Amino acid sequence: MATLQASELVAVQVADNPRILCAAPAYLATHRCPERLADLDDHACLTLHAMDAWTFRQAGHPVAKRIKGRLAASSVDTVHAACVAGAGLAMLTYWDVAQDLANGTLRALALSDAEPEQLAIWAVLPTRQHMPARVRRFIDGLKSALMASIPPQTR
């Protein structure tokens, strides 16, 4: 689940991995919703230790936005829980927040001048040749299951 680097391996995209900027209604009740990328500077952002920047697409180009967070955690689960508790904004994948978006525990936020750079879920193989049928069936089944569970507006 990342941007792939050049290598000799063969990568097959299994599914999109939409990233979503989100916040709890409790946080948004006391803080103005960010409208532009620069507005993130005025918000409590919840980050992972390894990610001091969030990547966005702005005018078709990738932009890394350095984030000064209220909380930097080593686990996605901690960032997710803090976001649900109303501690600030988080950039999480759809898979982490799907249930929260559906039940209203979290709200997806849209910026007018940028959107989160999207990642994908990849199956990385040593070669396309001699791929066992069971591996191909597994990848195809995983692809179908994951794509069926992502709403079209987040793809």
N, C-alpha and C. Protein backbone atom coordinates (compact mmCIF):
# COMPACT_ATOMS: atom_id res chain seq x y z
N MET A 1 0.84 -1.17 0.00
CA MET A 1 0.00 0.00 0.00
C MET A 1 0.88 1.23 0.00
N ALA A 2 1.36 1.59 -1.18
CA ALA A 2 2.28 2.72 -1.26
C ALA A 2 2.47 3.11 -2.72
N THR A 3 3.23 4.17 -2.91
CA THR A 3 3.67 4.52 -4.25
C THR A 3 4.83 3.59 -4.57
N LEU A 4 4.76 2.92 -5.70
CA LEU A 4 5.78 1.94 -6.03
C LEU A 4 7.06 2.60 -6.53
N GLN A 5 8.15 2.02 -6.15
CA GLN A 5 9.46 2.45 -6.63
C GLN A 5 9.84 1.55 -7.81
N ALA A 6 10.68 2.04 -8.68
CA ALA A 6 11.13 1.24 -9.82
C ALA A 6 11.91 0.02 -9.31
N SER A 7 11.63 -1.12 -9.91
CA SER A 7 12.34 -2.34 -9.53
C SER A 7 12.17 -3.36 -10.64
N GLU A 8 12.79 -4.50 -10.46
CA GLU A 8 12.68 -5.60 -11.42
C GLU A 8 11.42 -6.42 -11.19
N LEU A 9 10.72 -6.17 -10.09
CA LEU A 9 9.53 -6.93 -9.76
C LEU A 9 8.35 -6.49 -10.63
N VAL A 10 7.37 -7.36 -10.75
CA VAL A 10 6.16 -7.08 -11.51
C VAL A 10 5.06 -6.71 -10.51
N ALA A 11 4.45 -5.57 -10.72
CA ALA A 11 3.39 -5.11 -9.81
C ALA A 11 2.05 -5.15 -10.53
N VAL A 12 1.06 -5.70 -9.84
CA VAL A 12 -0.31 -5.75 -10.34
C VAL A 12 -1.17 -4.96 -9.36
N GLN A 13 -1.83 -3.92 -9.85
CA GLN A 13 -2.67 -3.14 -8.95
C GLN A 13 -3.90 -3.96 -8.58
N VAL A 14 -4.11 -4.11 -7.29
CA VAL A 14 -5.24 -4.87 -6.78
C VAL A 14 -6.45 -3.95 -6.58
N ALA A 15 -6.21 -2.77 -5.99
CA ALA A 15 -7.32 -1.84 -5.73
C ALA A 15 -6.75 -0.46 -5.45
N ASP A 16 -7.61 0.53 -5.61
CA ASP A 16 -7.26 1.87 -5.16
C ASP A 16 -7.22 1.86 -3.64
N ASN A 17 -6.47 2.76 -3.07
CA ASN A 17 -6.37 2.91 -1.62
C ASN A 17 -6.58 4.39 -1.29
N PRO A 18 -7.83 4.85 -1.42
CA PRO A 18 -8.10 6.28 -1.24
C PRO A 18 -7.70 6.77 0.14
N ARG A 19 -7.04 7.92 0.17
CA ARG A 19 -6.72 8.57 1.44
C ARG A 19 -7.72 9.70 1.63
N ILE A 20 -8.12 9.89 2.87
CA ILE A 20 -9.18 10.83 3.18
C ILE A 20 -8.74 11.73 4.32
N LEU A 21 -8.86 13.02 4.12
CA LEU A 21 -8.67 13.99 5.19
C LEU A 21 -9.98 14.01 5.97
N CYS A 22 -9.91 13.79 7.27
CA CYS A 22 -11.15 13.68 8.02
C CYS A 22 -11.03 14.25 9.42
N ALA A 23 -12.19 14.47 10.03
CA ALA A 23 -12.26 14.96 11.41
C ALA A 23 -13.58 14.52 12.01
N ALA A 24 -13.61 14.51 13.32
CA ALA A 24 -14.85 14.18 14.05
C ALA A 24 -15.75 15.41 14.09
N PRO A 25 -17.06 15.20 14.07
CA PRO A 25 -17.98 16.34 14.21
C PRO A 25 -17.69 17.18 15.45
N ALA A 26 -17.24 16.56 16.54
CA ALA A 26 -16.93 17.31 17.77
C ALA A 26 -15.79 18.30 17.54
N TYR A 27 -14.78 17.90 16.79
CA TYR A 27 -13.67 18.80 16.47
C TYR A 27 -14.18 19.94 15.58
N LEU A 28 -14.97 19.60 14.58
CA LEU A 28 -15.46 20.60 13.64
C LEU A 28 -16.46 21.57 14.28
N ALA A 29 -17.08 21.17 15.38
CA ALA A 29 -18.01 22.05 16.09
C ALA A 29 -17.29 23.21 16.76
N THR A 30 -15.99 23.02 17.05
CA THR A 30 -15.24 24.07 17.73
C THR A 30 -14.12 24.66 16.88
N HIS A 31 -13.91 24.13 15.69
CA HIS A 31 -12.87 24.63 14.79
C HIS A 31 -13.46 24.78 13.39
N ARG A 32 -13.10 25.86 12.74
CA ARG A 32 -13.57 26.09 11.37
C ARG A 32 -13.02 25.01 10.45
N CYS A 33 -13.84 24.51 9.57
CA CYS A 33 -13.43 23.48 8.62
C CYS A 33 -12.37 24.05 7.67
N PRO A 34 -11.27 23.35 7.46
CA PRO A 34 -10.26 23.88 6.52
C PRO A 34 -10.83 23.92 5.11
N GLU A 35 -10.56 25.01 4.41
CA GLU A 35 -11.05 25.16 3.04
C GLU A 35 -9.94 25.03 2.01
N ARG A 36 -8.72 25.43 2.40
CA ARG A 36 -7.58 25.40 1.48
C ARG A 36 -6.42 24.66 2.16
N LEU A 37 -5.47 24.24 1.37
CA LEU A 37 -4.32 23.50 1.89
C LEU A 37 -3.60 24.30 2.98
N ALA A 38 -3.44 25.59 2.78
CA ALA A 38 -2.75 26.43 3.77
C ALA A 38 -3.48 26.47 5.10
N ASP A 39 -4.78 26.23 5.11
CA ASP A 39 -5.56 26.25 6.35
C ASP A 39 -5.14 25.15 7.32
N LEU A 40 -4.47 24.11 6.83
CA LEU A 40 -4.05 23.02 7.72
C LEU A 40 -3.07 23.52 8.78
N ASP A 41 -2.37 24.62 8.49
CA ASP A 41 -1.43 25.19 9.46
C ASP A 41 -2.14 25.65 10.73
N ASP A 42 -3.42 25.97 10.63
CA ASP A 42 -4.19 26.48 11.76
C ASP A 42 -4.95 25.40 12.51
N HIS A 43 -4.69 24.15 12.19
CA HIS A 43 -5.44 23.05 12.80
C HIS A 43 -4.54 22.09 13.55
N ALA A 44 -5.13 21.42 14.52
CA ALA A 44 -4.46 20.33 15.22
C ALA A 44 -4.50 19.12 14.29
N CYS A 45 -3.35 18.72 13.81
CA CYS A 45 -3.28 17.58 12.90
C CYS A 45 -2.68 16.39 13.64
N LEU A 46 -3.18 15.23 13.32
CA LEU A 46 -2.78 13.98 13.97
C LEU A 46 -1.98 13.18 12.96
N THR A 47 -0.72 12.90 13.26
CA THR A 47 0.17 12.30 12.27
C THR A 47 0.81 11.02 12.78
N LEU A 48 1.43 10.33 11.86
CA LEU A 48 2.27 9.19 12.20
C LEU A 48 3.71 9.67 12.33
N HIS A 49 4.48 9.07 13.23
CA HIS A 49 5.89 9.47 13.42
C HIS A 49 6.64 9.50 12.09
N ALA A 50 6.41 8.53 11.26
CA ALA A 50 7.17 8.40 10.02
C ALA A 50 6.69 9.35 8.93
N MET A 51 5.61 10.09 9.17
CA MET A 51 5.05 10.96 8.13
C MET A 51 4.89 12.38 8.66
N ASP A 52 5.92 13.21 8.50
CA ASP A 52 5.80 14.60 8.92
C ASP A 52 5.24 15.48 7.81
N ALA A 53 4.89 14.86 6.69
CA ALA A 53 4.26 15.59 5.58
C ALA A 53 3.14 14.73 5.00
N TRP A 54 2.09 15.39 4.60
CA TRP A 54 0.99 14.73 3.90
C TRP A 54 1.11 15.12 2.43
N THR A 55 0.90 14.18 1.53
CA THR A 55 1.01 14.49 0.11
C THR A 55 -0.37 14.72 -0.50
N PHE A 56 -0.43 15.75 -1.30
CA PHE A 56 -1.65 16.17 -1.98
C PHE A 56 -1.34 16.32 -3.46
N ARG A 57 -2.38 16.43 -4.26
CA ARG A 57 -2.27 16.82 -5.67
C ARG A 57 -2.86 18.22 -5.75
N GLN A 58 -2.06 19.11 -6.30
CA GLN A 58 -2.49 20.50 -6.45
C GLN A 58 -2.16 20.91 -7.88
N ALA A 59 -3.17 21.29 -8.62
CA ALA A 59 -3.00 21.65 -10.04
C ALA A 59 -2.30 20.52 -10.80
N GLY A 60 -2.65 19.29 -10.47
CA GLY A 60 -2.10 18.13 -11.18
C GLY A 60 -0.72 17.69 -10.75
N HIS A 61 -0.13 18.35 -9.77
CA HIS A 61 1.22 18.02 -9.33
C HIS A 61 1.22 17.58 -7.87
N PRO A 62 2.11 16.65 -7.51
CA PRO A 62 2.21 16.26 -6.11
C PRO A 62 2.84 17.38 -5.27
N VAL A 63 2.28 17.59 -4.10
CA VAL A 63 2.77 18.60 -3.17
C VAL A 63 2.86 17.95 -1.79
N ALA A 64 4.01 18.06 -1.16
CA ALA A 64 4.17 17.57 0.21
C ALA A 64 3.93 18.72 1.16
N LYS A 65 2.95 18.59 2.01
CA LYS A 65 2.60 19.63 2.99
C LYS A 65 3.13 19.18 4.35
N ARG A 66 4.11 19.91 4.86
CA ARG A 66 4.65 19.59 6.18
C ARG A 66 3.56 19.86 7.22
N ILE A 67 3.39 18.90 8.09
CA ILE A 67 2.32 18.97 9.08
C ILE A 67 2.93 19.09 10.47
N LYS A 68 2.48 20.12 11.18
CA LYS A 68 2.85 20.27 12.59
C LYS A 68 1.67 19.74 13.39
N GLY A 69 1.86 18.62 14.00
CA GLY A 69 0.73 17.97 14.65
C GLY A 69 0.64 18.17 16.14
N ARG A 70 -0.55 17.97 16.62
CA ARG A 70 -0.81 17.95 18.06
C ARG A 70 -0.35 16.61 18.62
N LEU A 71 -0.43 15.59 17.78
CA LEU A 71 -0.10 14.23 18.20
C LEU A 71 0.63 13.54 17.06
N ALA A 72 1.73 12.91 17.37
CA ALA A 72 2.41 12.05 16.41
C ALA A 72 2.51 10.67 17.07
N ALA A 73 1.93 9.69 16.44
CA ALA A 73 1.87 8.34 17.02
C ALA A 73 2.58 7.36 16.10
N SER A 74 2.89 6.22 16.65
CA SER A 74 3.55 5.19 15.85
C SER A 74 2.55 4.21 15.24
N SER A 75 1.28 4.36 15.56
CA SER A 75 0.29 3.43 15.00
C SER A 75 -0.89 4.17 14.39
N VAL A 76 -1.36 3.64 13.30
CA VAL A 76 -2.55 4.19 12.64
C VAL A 76 -3.74 4.10 13.57
N ASP A 77 -3.83 3.03 14.34
CA ASP A 77 -4.96 2.88 15.26
C ASP A 77 -5.02 4.01 16.28
N THR A 78 -3.87 4.47 16.76
CA THR A 78 -3.83 5.58 17.72
C THR A 78 -4.28 6.87 17.06
N VAL A 79 -3.80 7.15 15.86
CA VAL A 79 -4.22 8.35 15.13
C VAL A 79 -5.72 8.30 14.87
N HIS A 80 -6.20 7.15 14.46
CA HIS A 80 -7.63 6.96 14.18
C HIS A 80 -8.45 7.22 15.44
N ALA A 81 -8.06 6.63 16.56
CA ALA A 81 -8.81 6.80 17.81
C ALA A 81 -8.80 8.27 18.26
N ALA A 82 -7.67 8.93 18.13
CA ALA A 82 -7.59 10.35 18.51
C ALA A 82 -8.47 11.21 17.61
N CYS A 83 -8.52 10.88 16.33
CA CYS A 83 -9.38 11.62 15.41
C CYS A 83 -10.85 11.43 15.78
N VAL A 84 -11.26 10.20 16.02
CA VAL A 84 -12.64 9.91 16.42
C VAL A 84 -12.98 10.63 17.72
N ALA A 85 -12.01 10.75 18.63
CA ALA A 85 -12.23 11.42 19.91
C ALA A 85 -12.30 12.94 19.78
N GLY A 86 -12.03 13.48 18.58
CA GLY A 86 -12.14 14.92 18.36
C GLY A 86 -10.86 15.69 18.61
N ALA A 87 -9.71 15.00 18.62
CA ALA A 87 -8.44 15.67 18.91
C ALA A 87 -7.88 16.46 17.73
N GLY A 88 -8.37 16.23 16.52
CA GLY A 88 -7.86 16.97 15.38
C GLY A 88 -8.16 16.31 14.06
N LEU A 89 -7.50 16.80 13.01
CA LEU A 89 -7.65 16.28 11.65
C LEU A 89 -6.68 15.13 11.44
N ALA A 90 -7.07 14.18 10.61
CA ALA A 90 -6.17 13.07 10.27
C ALA A 90 -6.28 12.76 8.79
N MET A 91 -5.19 12.24 8.25
CA MET A 91 -5.17 11.74 6.88
C MET A 91 -5.07 10.22 7.00
N LEU A 92 -6.17 9.55 6.70
CA LEU A 92 -6.24 8.10 6.85
C LEU A 92 -6.74 7.48 5.55
N THR A 93 -6.52 6.20 5.40
CA THR A 93 -7.03 5.54 4.21
C THR A 93 -8.51 5.20 4.39
N TYR A 94 -9.17 5.06 3.27
CA TYR A 94 -10.59 4.70 3.29
C TYR A 94 -10.83 3.46 4.14
N TRP A 95 -9.92 2.50 4.05
CA TRP A 95 -10.10 1.24 4.79
C TRP A 95 -10.11 1.48 6.29
N ASP A 96 -9.41 2.51 6.76
CA ASP A 96 -9.36 2.80 8.19
C ASP A 96 -10.62 3.50 8.67
N VAL A 97 -11.30 4.24 7.80
CA VAL A 97 -12.40 5.10 8.25
C VAL A 97 -13.74 4.80 7.61
N ALA A 98 -13.84 3.79 6.81
CA ALA A 98 -15.10 3.51 6.08
C ALA A 98 -16.30 3.43 7.02
N GLN A 99 -16.17 2.68 8.08
CA GLN A 99 -17.29 2.52 9.02
C GLN A 99 -17.62 3.85 9.71
N ASP A 100 -16.58 4.61 10.06
CA ASP A 100 -16.80 5.90 10.73
C ASP A 100 -17.50 6.90 9.80
N LEU A 101 -17.13 6.90 8.52
CA LEU A 101 -17.79 7.78 7.56
C LEU A 101 -19.25 7.37 7.39
N ALA A 102 -19.50 6.07 7.35
CA ALA A 102 -20.87 5.57 7.17
C ALA A 102 -21.76 5.91 8.36
N ASN A 103 -21.22 5.84 9.57
CA ASN A 103 -22.07 6.09 10.74
C ASN A 103 -21.98 7.52 11.27
N GLY A 104 -21.19 8.37 10.62
CA GLY A 104 -21.12 9.78 11.00
C GLY A 104 -20.14 10.10 12.12
N THR A 105 -19.37 9.11 12.57
CA THR A 105 -18.37 9.34 13.61
C THR A 105 -17.27 10.25 13.10
N LEU A 106 -16.97 10.16 11.81
CA LEU A 106 -16.00 11.04 11.15
C LEU A 106 -16.63 11.64 9.91
N ARG A 107 -16.14 12.81 9.52
CA ARG A 107 -16.56 13.46 8.28
C ARG A 107 -15.37 13.61 7.37
N ALA A 108 -15.56 13.32 6.09
CA ALA A 108 -14.51 13.56 5.09
C ALA A 108 -14.48 15.06 4.80
N LEU A 109 -13.27 15.60 4.66
CA LEU A 109 -13.10 17.03 4.39
C LEU A 109 -12.51 17.22 3.01
N ALA A 110 -13.04 18.16 2.27
CA ALA A 110 -12.54 18.46 0.92
C ALA A 110 -11.94 19.86 0.91
N LEU A 111 -10.76 19.96 0.37
CA LEU A 111 -10.11 21.26 0.21
C LEU A 111 -10.38 21.78 -1.19
N SER A 112 -10.52 23.09 -1.34
CA SER A 112 -10.84 23.65 -2.65
C SER A 112 -9.65 23.64 -3.61
N ASP A 113 -8.43 23.63 -3.07
CA ASP A 113 -7.26 23.77 -3.94
C ASP A 113 -6.34 22.55 -3.97
N ALA A 114 -6.72 21.48 -3.29
CA ALA A 114 -5.87 20.28 -3.27
C ALA A 114 -6.70 19.08 -2.86
N GLU A 115 -6.22 17.92 -3.28
CA GLU A 115 -6.86 16.68 -2.83
C GLU A 115 -5.78 15.70 -2.41
N PRO A 116 -6.09 14.84 -1.45
CA PRO A 116 -5.08 13.88 -1.02
C PRO A 116 -4.56 13.04 -2.19
N GLU A 117 -3.25 12.87 -2.23
CA GLU A 117 -2.69 12.00 -3.27
C GLU A 117 -3.10 10.57 -2.96
N GLN A 118 -3.59 9.89 -3.97
CA GLN A 118 -4.13 8.55 -3.76
C GLN A 118 -3.06 7.49 -3.92
N LEU A 119 -3.18 6.47 -3.12
CA LEU A 119 -2.28 5.33 -3.18
C LEU A 119 -3.03 4.15 -3.76
N ALA A 120 -2.37 3.03 -3.84
CA ALA A 120 -3.01 1.82 -4.34
C ALA A 120 -2.49 0.63 -3.55
N ILE A 121 -3.21 -0.45 -3.64
CA ILE A 121 -2.80 -1.72 -3.05
C ILE A 121 -2.28 -2.56 -4.20
N TRP A 122 -1.06 -3.06 -4.04
CA TRP A 122 -0.39 -3.78 -5.11
C TRP A 122 -0.05 -5.20 -4.69
N ALA A 123 -0.12 -6.11 -5.63
CA ALA A 123 0.48 -7.44 -5.47
C ALA A 123 1.80 -7.37 -6.22
N VAL A 124 2.88 -7.64 -5.54
CA VAL A 124 4.21 -7.54 -6.15
C VAL A 124 4.75 -8.96 -6.32
N LEU A 125 5.09 -9.28 -7.56
CA LEU A 125 5.48 -10.64 -7.93
C LEU A 125 6.87 -10.64 -8.55
N PRO A 126 7.55 -11.77 -8.45
CA PRO A 126 8.88 -11.82 -9.06
C PRO A 126 8.84 -11.84 -10.60
N THR A 127 7.75 -12.36 -11.16
CA THR A 127 7.64 -12.46 -12.62
C THR A 127 6.19 -12.70 -13.00
N ARG A 128 5.83 -12.36 -14.23
CA ARG A 128 4.49 -12.69 -14.74
C ARG A 128 4.46 -14.12 -15.29
N GLN A 129 5.62 -14.58 -15.65
CA GLN A 129 5.71 -15.92 -16.23
C GLN A 129 5.59 -16.97 -15.13
N HIS A 130 4.95 -18.04 -15.44
CA HIS A 130 4.82 -19.18 -14.54
C HIS A 130 4.12 -18.83 -13.23
N MET A 131 3.18 -17.90 -13.29
CA MET A 131 2.41 -17.57 -12.10
C MET A 131 1.41 -18.70 -11.86
N PRO A 132 1.44 -19.32 -10.69
CA PRO A 132 0.49 -20.39 -10.41
C PRO A 132 -0.95 -19.90 -10.52
N ALA A 133 -1.82 -20.74 -11.01
CA ALA A 133 -3.24 -20.39 -11.18
C ALA A 133 -3.85 -19.96 -9.86
N ARG A 134 -3.46 -20.58 -8.76
CA ARG A 134 -4.04 -20.23 -7.46
C ARG A 134 -3.64 -18.80 -7.05
N VAL A 135 -2.45 -18.36 -7.44
CA VAL A 135 -2.02 -16.98 -7.14
C VAL A 135 -2.85 -16.01 -7.97
N ARG A 136 -3.05 -16.29 -9.24
CA ARG A 136 -3.87 -15.45 -10.12
C ARG A 136 -5.30 -15.38 -9.59
N ARG A 137 -5.87 -16.52 -9.17
CA ARG A 137 -7.25 -16.53 -8.64
C ARG A 137 -7.33 -15.71 -7.34
N PHE A 138 -6.31 -15.83 -6.50
CA PHE A 138 -6.30 -15.06 -5.26
C PHE A 138 -6.27 -13.56 -5.56
N ILE A 139 -5.39 -13.13 -6.44
CA ILE A 139 -5.28 -11.71 -6.79
C ILE A 139 -6.59 -11.21 -7.40
N ASP A 140 -7.16 -11.99 -8.32
CA ASP A 140 -8.43 -11.59 -8.94
C ASP A 140 -9.56 -11.51 -7.92
N GLY A 141 -9.61 -12.47 -7.00
CA GLY A 141 -10.65 -12.45 -5.96
C GLY A 141 -10.49 -11.29 -5.01
N LEU A 142 -9.25 -11.01 -4.62
CA LEU A 142 -8.98 -9.88 -3.73
C LEU A 142 -9.34 -8.57 -4.42
N LYS A 143 -8.98 -8.47 -5.68
CA LYS A 143 -9.29 -7.26 -6.46
C LYS A 143 -10.81 -7.04 -6.52
N SER A 144 -11.56 -8.07 -6.82
CA SER A 144 -13.03 -7.96 -6.90
C SER A 144 -13.63 -7.56 -5.56
N ALA A 145 -13.17 -8.19 -4.49
CA ALA A 145 -13.72 -7.91 -3.17
C ALA A 145 -13.41 -6.48 -2.72
N LEU A 146 -12.19 -6.04 -2.93
CA LEU A 146 -11.82 -4.69 -2.50
C LEU A 146 -12.50 -3.63 -3.34
N MET A 147 -12.53 -3.79 -4.64
CA MET A 147 -13.14 -2.78 -5.51
C MET A 147 -14.64 -2.67 -5.26
N ALA A 148 -15.27 -3.78 -4.92
CA ALA A 148 -16.71 -3.76 -4.66
C ALA A 148 -17.04 -2.99 -3.38
N SER A 149 -16.06 -2.86 -2.47
CA SER A 149 -16.35 -2.21 -1.20
C SER A 149 -15.95 -0.74 -1.15
N ILE A 150 -15.36 -0.21 -2.22
CA ILE A 150 -15.00 1.21 -2.26
C ILE A 150 -16.09 1.98 -2.99
N PRO A 151 -16.71 2.97 -2.33
CA PRO A 151 -17.72 3.76 -3.03
C PRO A 151 -17.10 4.48 -4.23
N PRO A 152 -17.85 4.61 -5.33
CA PRO A 152 -17.32 5.24 -6.54
C PRO A 152 -16.76 6.64 -6.31
N GLN A 153 -17.33 7.44 -5.41
CA GLN A 153 -16.86 8.81 -5.21
C GLN A 153 -15.48 8.87 -4.57
N THR A 154 -14.98 7.77 -3.96
CA THR A 154 -13.66 7.80 -3.35
C THR A 154 -12.61 7.17 -4.24
N ARG A 155 -13.00 6.62 -5.40
CA ARG A 155 -12.04 5.97 -6.30
C ARG A 155 -11.31 7.00 -7.11
